[in-house]
Amino acid sequence: QVQLVESGGGLVQPGGSLRLSCATSESIFSFRSMGWHRQAPGNQREWVAWITEVVENSNYTDSVKGRFTISRDTNKNMLYLQMNSLKVEDTALYYCFAYDWIGGTYWGQGTQVTVSS
């Protein structure tokens, strides 16, 4: 059973930074892509950033481009999301996700990010 465990969320002031981490129970090479979604209260879950295995191509939703950076450590089987210049509207529950090579989709339990003064 694949497990994804997020950490690193918290309360931060606008303009601040946080780094989210996602630990995987499997080798990162087991997944064709990994990334982050988020869901704010009353909103649908939206994708934030993802990275592919083959060419390590990364993509970001427009609202976070230039502020968030997705990365991974293949030795530690970890996925990260560095979030800078945080805004109030970034407040959400952030989920790590992974797609394997045979159609499986996996989600973590989420980590809360709250941006408030």
Protein backbone atom coordinates (compact mmCIF):
# COMPACT_ATOMS: atom_id res chain seq x y z
CA GLN A 1 0.00 0.00 0.00
CA VAL A 2 1.50 3.29 -1.12
CA GLN A 3 1.61 5.94 1.56
CA LEU A 4 2.21 9.66 1.16
CA VAL A 5 2.74 11.72 4.31
CA GLU A 6 2.83 15.51 4.19
CA SER A 7 4.41 17.83 6.72
CA GLY A 8 5.57 21.40 7.01
CA GLY A 9 2.30 23.29 7.09
CA GLY A 10 1.57 25.99 9.61
CA LEU A 11 0.63 29.58 10.26
CA VAL A 12 2.63 32.25 8.48
CA GLN A 13 2.24 35.95 7.87
CA PRO A 14 1.65 37.33 4.39
CA GLY A 15 4.94 37.56 2.54
CA GLY A 16 6.40 34.70 4.53
CA SER A 17 7.65 31.30 3.40
CA LEU A 18 6.99 27.65 4.15
CA ARG A 19 8.36 24.42 2.77
CA LEU A 20 6.04 21.47 2.51
CA SER A 21 7.41 17.95 2.44
CA CYS A 22 5.88 14.70 1.25
CA ALA A 23 7.45 11.41 2.27
CA THR A 24 6.66 8.40 0.09
CA SER A 25 6.65 4.75 1.13
CA GLU A 26 7.83 3.76 -2.35
CA SER A 27 10.72 4.84 -4.52
CA ILE A 28 9.98 8.08 -6.29
CA PHE A 29 10.81 6.25 -9.52
CA SER A 30 7.61 4.23 -8.96
CA PHE A 31 5.62 7.29 -9.97
CA ARG A 32 5.33 8.87 -13.39
CA SER A 33 4.39 12.18 -11.81
CA MET A 34 3.94 13.73 -8.40
CA GLY A 35 2.69 17.03 -7.17
CA TRP A 36 0.54 19.13 -4.93
CA HIS A 37 -3.11 20.06 -4.84
CA ARG A 38 -4.84 22.35 -2.39
CA GLN A 39 -8.35 22.91 -1.16
CA ALA A 40 -9.60 26.01 0.59
CA PRO A 41 -12.85 25.96 2.61
CA GLY A 42 -15.82 26.12 0.30
CA ASN A 43 -13.69 25.62 -2.80
CA GLN A 44 -12.95 22.69 -5.03
CA ARG A 45 -9.59 21.01 -4.84
CA GLU A 46 -7.20 22.57 -7.35
CA TRP A 47 -3.84 21.49 -8.61
CA VAL A 48 -0.91 23.67 -7.61
CA ALA A 49 2.23 22.11 -9.04
CA TRP A 50 3.45 18.82 -10.43
CA ILE A 51 6.64 17.27 -11.68
CA THR A 52 7.09 14.40 -14.10
CA GLU A 53 9.54 11.56 -13.77
CA VAL A 54 10.84 11.20 -17.31
CA VAL A 55 12.24 14.67 -17.93
CA GLU A 56 11.59 16.24 -14.52
CA ASN A 57 9.34 18.76 -16.17
CA SER A 58 7.56 20.92 -13.62
CA ASN A 59 4.32 22.84 -14.02
CA TYR A 60 2.55 25.41 -11.89
CA THR A 61 -0.86 26.91 -11.76
CA ASP A 62 -0.74 30.57 -12.77
CA SER A 63 -1.48 31.93 -9.31
CA VAL A 64 1.71 30.46 -7.82
CA LYS A 65 4.17 30.87 -10.70
CA GLY A 66 7.30 32.67 -9.58
CA ARG A 67 6.49 32.09 -5.91
CA PHE A 68 6.34 28.30 -5.49
CA THR A 69 8.95 25.74 -6.46
CA ILE A 70 8.41 22.00 -6.62
CA SER A 71 11.37 19.69 -6.20
CA ARG A 72 12.20 16.17 -5.18
CA ASP A 73 14.99 14.20 -3.55
CA THR A 74 15.25 10.79 -5.18
CA ASN A 75 17.67 9.53 -2.52
CA LYS A 76 15.25 10.29 0.30
CA ASN A 77 12.05 9.60 -1.67
CA MET A 78 10.79 13.03 -0.77
CA LEU A 79 8.78 15.65 -2.64
CA TYR A 80 8.89 19.31 -1.63
CA LEU A 81 7.01 22.50 -2.27
CA GLN A 82 8.87 25.67 -1.41
CA MET A 83 6.35 28.47 -1.01
CA ASN A 84 7.58 32.06 -0.92
CA SER A 85 5.78 35.39 -0.85
CA LEU A 86 2.74 33.71 0.59
CA LYS A 87 -0.62 35.41 0.26
CA VAL A 88 -3.80 35.12 2.27
CA GLU A 89 -5.41 33.40 -0.70
CA ASP A 90 -2.84 30.60 -0.46
CA THR A 91 -4.56 29.44 2.72
CA ALA A 92 -5.72 25.88 2.14
CA LEU A 93 -5.22 22.24 2.98
CA TYR A 94 -2.35 21.06 0.79
CA TYR A 95 -2.29 17.50 -0.48
CA CYS A 96 0.55 15.53 -1.97
CA PHE A 97 -0.44 13.24 -4.85
CA ALA A 98 1.26 10.68 -7.03
CA TYR A 99 0.39 8.82 -10.24
CA ASP A 100 2.11 5.53 -10.85
CA TRP A 101 2.90 3.93 -14.19
CA ILE A 102 -0.17 1.66 -14.27
CA GLY A 103 -2.95 4.13 -13.58
CA GLY A 104 -2.90 4.25 -9.80
CA THR A 105 -3.50 7.54 -7.98
CA TYR A 106 -2.42 8.16 -4.41
CA TRP A 107 -3.08 10.99 -1.98
CA GLY A 108 -1.68 12.09 1.34
CA GLN A 109 -3.81 13.19 4.26
CA GLY A 110 -3.04 16.88 3.79
CA THR A 111 -1.22 19.57 5.71
CA GLN A 112 -2.82 22.89 6.61
CA VAL A 113 -1.29 26.16 5.44
CA THR A 114 -2.73 29.32 6.94
CA VAL A 115 -1.54 32.74 5.80
CA SER A 116 -2.75 35.46 8.10
CA SER A 117 -1.55 38.57 9.86
